[in-house]
């Protein structure tokens, strides 16, 4: 099975032969990068570094799209790859960086747990996801079965970021990690999202980040902090 070659035609019209075993190994590496970037976001100390890791995660999702496009000989998936790179890897990180600098969120991202303890919890959630969701490939798709537990792991780790972080900006990053986990599941079940759906998801994410970023900016400008633990004291 691993020696069988998959032949596809790229958008440029070049004939490419890509062994399934090689493609599977590439997808496994990209999976590890997805999980690794999520864990690093949990333990990172500065919002700017978390934003850089988020951009790397988006580029990894685009890489998965390229592999799927080559294996499935679908030129439409390349549109999804371009949209993912433009919105998730470029526009969204730039907006978050702008909010971070203008709102004075360059200081260390406060957490309810220490970075080491938070990282251990994140690794535990990944193991839990792989224990609860058995890797199983779906007939008719070229994505390996490991993408379903990976999707659940990203959702759990993204939720952990939102719970543990005190900075509103980093909580937004956690929400995007959750969305990336859902995106991975969609890629696994549909063998690559149609361009129309991808454009809709990207636009929704862009608008969400702009709105949340605007709210975070105004909160930071008014209170000189994005620490939600400090903001809670203002209720009284």
Protein backbone atom coordinates (compact mmCIF):
# COMPACT_ATOMS: atom_id res chain seq x y z
CA UNK A 1 0.00 0.00 0.00
CA UNK A 2 2.79 2.40 0.88
CA UNK A 3 4.56 1.73 -2.40
CA UNK A 4 1.50 2.66 -4.47
CA UNK A 5 1.89 5.98 -6.23
CA UNK A 6 -0.79 8.62 -6.47
CA UNK A 7 -0.73 10.65 -9.68
CA UNK A 8 -2.24 14.10 -9.94
CA UNK A 9 -2.11 17.16 -12.15
CA UNK A 10 -1.23 20.47 -10.52
CA UNK A 11 -2.81 23.74 -11.47
CA UNK A 12 0.20 24.55 -13.67
CA UNK A 13 -0.36 21.36 -15.60
CA UNK A 14 2.74 19.53 -14.37
CA UNK A 15 2.43 15.79 -13.86
CA UNK A 16 3.44 14.81 -10.34
CA UNK A 17 3.82 11.37 -8.79
CA UNK A 18 3.70 11.32 -5.02
CA UNK A 19 3.94 8.06 -3.04
CA UNK A 20 1.16 7.65 -0.51
CA UNK A 21 3.67 6.64 2.16
CA UNK A 22 5.62 9.86 1.69
CA UNK A 23 2.44 11.95 1.76
CA UNK A 24 1.35 10.20 4.94
CA UNK A 25 4.68 11.00 6.58
CA UNK A 26 4.39 14.65 5.57
CA UNK A 27 0.87 14.82 7.00
CA UNK A 28 2.08 13.23 10.25
CA UNK A 29 4.83 15.85 10.55
CA UNK A 30 2.33 18.64 9.90
CA UNK A 31 0.08 17.14 12.59
CA UNK A 32 2.94 17.27 15.09
CA UNK A 33 3.60 20.91 14.17
CA UNK A 34 -0.06 21.75 14.77
CA UNK A 35 -0.02 20.16 18.21
CA UNK A 36 3.42 21.51 19.07
CA UNK A 37 2.48 25.09 18.20
CA UNK A 38 -0.68 24.84 20.32
CA UNK A 39 1.31 23.57 23.32
CA UNK A 40 3.91 26.31 22.88
CA UNK A 41 1.16 28.94 22.82
CA UNK A 42 -0.04 27.63 26.19
CA UNK A 43 3.39 28.08 27.77
CA UNK A 44 4.64 31.20 26.00
CA UNK A 45 5.11 34.32 28.09
CA UNK A 46 4.49 37.15 25.60
CA UNK A 47 1.52 37.88 23.32
CA UNK A 48 3.83 38.61 20.36
CA UNK A 49 5.33 35.14 20.55
CA UNK A 50 1.87 33.59 20.82
CA UNK A 51 0.82 35.49 17.70
CA UNK A 52 3.91 34.24 15.82
CA UNK A 53 3.08 30.66 16.82
CA UNK A 54 -0.50 31.17 15.67
CA UNK A 55 0.78 32.32 12.27
CA UNK A 56 2.98 29.21 12.09
CA UNK A 57 -0.05 27.07 12.87
CA UNK A 58 -2.00 28.73 10.05
CA UNK A 59 0.88 28.11 7.64
CA UNK A 60 0.82 24.45 8.70
CA UNK A 61 -2.89 24.25 7.89
CA UNK A 62 -2.09 25.67 4.46
CA UNK A 63 0.59 23.00 4.06
CA UNK A 64 -1.99 20.32 4.80
CA UNK A 65 -4.18 21.85 2.12
CA UNK A 66 -1.34 21.66 -0.42
CA UNK A 67 -0.79 17.95 0.31
CA UNK A 68 -4.51 17.24 -0.01
CA UNK A 69 -4.65 19.21 -3.26
CA UNK A 70 -1.77 17.21 -4.75
CA UNK A 71 -3.18 13.85 -3.69
CA UNK A 72 -6.75 14.57 -4.74
CA UNK A 73 -5.85 16.34 -8.00
CA UNK A 74 -8.28 19.11 -7.03
CA UNK A 75 -7.31 22.57 -8.24
CA UNK A 76 -10.05 24.20 -6.16
CA UNK A 77 -8.22 23.36 -2.94
CA UNK A 78 -5.39 25.68 -3.96
CA UNK A 79 -7.85 28.56 -3.60
CA UNK A 80 -8.46 27.45 -0.01
CA UNK A 81 -4.70 27.34 0.57
CA UNK A 82 -4.28 30.92 -0.65
CA UNK A 83 -7.22 32.11 1.49
CA UNK A 84 -5.81 30.35 4.56
CA UNK A 85 -2.39 31.93 4.08
CA UNK A 86 -3.78 35.40 3.37
CA UNK A 87 -6.29 35.54 6.21
CA UNK A 88 -5.06 33.21 8.95
CA UNK A 89 -1.29 33.49 8.46
CA UNK A 90 -1.03 37.18 7.49
CA UNK A 91 -4.07 39.40 8.14
CA UNK A 92 -5.20 37.98 11.48
CA UNK A 93 -1.68 37.98 13.05
CA UNK A 94 -1.08 41.55 11.79
CA UNK A 95 -4.34 42.72 13.37
CA UNK A 96 -3.48 41.02 16.66
CA UNK A 97 0.03 42.49 16.64
CA UNK A 98 -1.38 45.96 16.00
CA UNK A 99 -3.83 45.62 18.88
CA UNK A 100 -1.07 44.25 21.12
CA UNK A 101 1.20 47.22 20.48
CA UNK A 102 -1.46 49.92 20.57
CA UNK A 103 -3.14 48.54 23.71
CA UNK A 104 0.13 48.16 25.59
CA UNK A 105 -0.04 44.35 25.81
CA UNK A 106 3.69 43.83 25.25
CA UNK A 107 4.24 42.73 28.84
CA UNK A 108 4.29 39.13 29.96
CA UNK A 109 1.01 37.32 29.38
CA UNK A 110 -0.28 36.61 32.89
CA UNK A 111 -1.61 33.11 33.61
CA UNK A 112 -3.52 31.39 36.38
CA UNK A 113 -0.91 28.59 36.26
CA UNK A 114 2.82 28.66 35.70
CA UNK A 115 4.08 27.99 32.17
CA UNK A 116 5.46 24.56 33.12
CA UNK A 117 2.27 23.42 34.83
CA UNK A 118 0.15 24.77 31.97
CA UNK A 119 2.28 22.92 29.42
CA UNK A 120 1.89 19.67 31.36
CA UNK A 121 -1.89 20.14 31.43
CA UNK A 122 -1.90 20.80 27.67
CA UNK A 123 0.08 17.62 27.00
CA UNK A 124 -2.34 15.73 29.24
CA UNK A 125 -5.29 17.03 27.21
CA UNK A 126 -3.62 15.88 23.98
CA UNK A 127 -3.13 12.40 25.44
CA UNK A 128 -6.75 12.43 26.61
CA UNK A 129 -7.94 13.37 23.11
CA UNK A 130 -5.97 10.53 21.53
CA UNK A 131 -7.26 8.16 24.20
CA UNK A 132 -10.92 9.10 23.76
CA UNK A 133 -10.96 9.47 19.96
CA UNK A 134 -9.54 6.46 18.20
CA UNK A 135 -7.60 7.27 15.01
CA UNK A 136 -9.73 6.04 12.13
CA UNK A 137 -9.52 6.97 8.47
CA UNK A 138 -12.73 7.85 6.63
CA UNK A 139 -13.45 6.03 3.39
CA UNK A 140 -13.18 8.26 0.35
CA UNK A 141 -10.71 10.71 1.91
CA UNK A 142 -6.93 10.95 1.77
CA UNK A 143 -6.45 12.37 5.25
CA UNK A 144 -5.12 9.94 7.83
CA UNK A 145 -7.28 8.95 10.77
CA UNK A 146 -5.05 10.77 13.25
CA UNK A 147 -6.61 14.07 12.22
CA UNK A 148 -9.76 13.43 14.26
CA UNK A 149 -7.99 13.12 17.63
CA UNK A 150 -5.76 16.01 16.54
CA UNK A 151 -8.87 18.11 15.96
CA UNK A 152 -10.23 17.28 19.41
CA UNK A 153 -6.82 17.99 20.96
CA UNK A 154 -6.64 21.43 19.34
CA UNK A 155 -10.15 22.27 20.57
CA UNK A 156 -9.23 21.22 24.12
CA UNK A 157 -5.91 23.05 24.14
CA UNK A 158 -7.51 26.16 22.65
CA UNK A 159 -10.12 26.07 25.41
CA UNK A 160 -7.31 25.68 27.95
CA UNK A 161 -5.63 28.82 26.60
CA UNK A 162 -8.88 30.75 26.99
CA UNK A 163 -9.33 29.52 30.58
CA UNK A 164 -5.76 29.90 31.85
CA UNK A 165 -4.78 33.19 30.25
CA UNK A 166 -5.59 36.51 31.91
CA UNK A 167 -4.88 38.67 28.84
CA UNK A 168 -7.94 39.20 26.66
CA UNK A 169 -5.75 39.25 23.53
CA UNK A 170 -4.30 35.80 24.23
CA UNK A 171 -7.80 34.52 24.97
CA UNK A 172 -8.71 35.57 21.42
CA UNK A 173 -5.75 33.51 20.20
CA UNK A 174 -7.13 30.53 22.13
CA UNK A 175 -10.46 30.97 20.36
CA UNK A 176 -8.66 30.88 16.99
CA UNK A 177 -6.85 27.68 18.02
CA UNK A 178 -10.27 26.14 18.73
CA UNK A 179 -11.41 27.24 15.26
CA UNK A 180 -8.30 25.66 13.74
CA UNK A 181 -9.22 22.40 15.43
CA UNK A 182 -12.68 22.50 13.88
CA UNK A 183 -11.04 23.32 10.54
CA UNK A 184 -8.85 20.21 10.77
CA UNK A 185 -11.92 18.03 11.34
CA UNK A 186 -13.62 19.60 8.33
CA UNK A 187 -10.56 18.93 6.18
CA UNK A 188 -10.51 15.31 7.29
CA UNK A 189 -14.16 14.62 6.51
CA UNK A 190 -14.51 16.59 3.27
CA UNK A 191 -11.08 15.92 1.73
CA UNK A 192 -10.56 19.67 1.48
CA UNK A 193 -13.14 22.41 1.97
CA UNK A 194 -14.78 23.91 -1.15
CA UNK A 195 -13.52 27.44 -1.94
CA UNK A 196 -16.93 29.01 -1.24
CA UNK A 197 -17.07 27.46 2.22
CA UNK A 198 -13.45 28.39 2.86
CA UNK A 199 -14.10 32.01 1.89
CA UNK A 200 -17.11 32.12 4.20
CA UNK A 201 -15.16 30.68 7.14
CA UNK A 202 -12.20 33.00 6.51
CA UNK A 203 -14.45 36.06 6.29
CA UNK A 204 -16.25 35.07 9.49
CA UNK A 205 -12.93 34.61 11.30
CA UNK A 206 -11.62 37.92 9.97
CA UNK A 207 -14.69 39.84 11.11
CA UNK A 208 -14.60 38.11 14.51
CA UNK A 209 -10.94 38.99 15.06
CA UNK A 210 -11.51 42.60 13.96
CA UNK A 211 -14.44 42.98 16.38
CA UNK A 212 -12.68 41.29 19.31
CA UNK A 213 -9.48 43.18 18.54
CA UNK A 214 -11.38 46.47 18.49
CA UNK A 215 -13.03 45.68 21.83
CA UNK A 216 -9.68 44.67 23.35
CA UNK A 217 -8.06 47.86 22.01
CA UNK A 218 -10.70 50.13 23.54
CA UNK A 219 -10.55 48.24 26.84
CA UNK A 220 -6.78 48.56 26.90
CA UNK A 221 -6.94 52.26 26.03
CA UNK A 222 -9.48 52.96 28.79
CA UNK A 223 -7.98 50.84 31.58
CA UNK A 224 -4.32 50.58 30.47
CA UNK A 225 -4.49 46.79 30.81
CA UNK A 226 -5.92 43.75 29.04
CA UNK A 227 -5.70 41.59 32.15
CA UNK A 228 -9.19 40.16 32.68
CA UNK A 229 -8.44 39.44 36.34
CA UNK A 230 -7.92 43.19 36.86
CA UNK A 231 -10.97 44.08 34.80
CA UNK A 232 -13.19 41.92 37.01
CA UNK A 233 -12.35 44.18 39.97
CA UNK A 234 -13.82 47.14 38.11
CA UNK A 235 -17.31 45.66 38.39
CA UNK A 236 -17.58 46.83 41.96
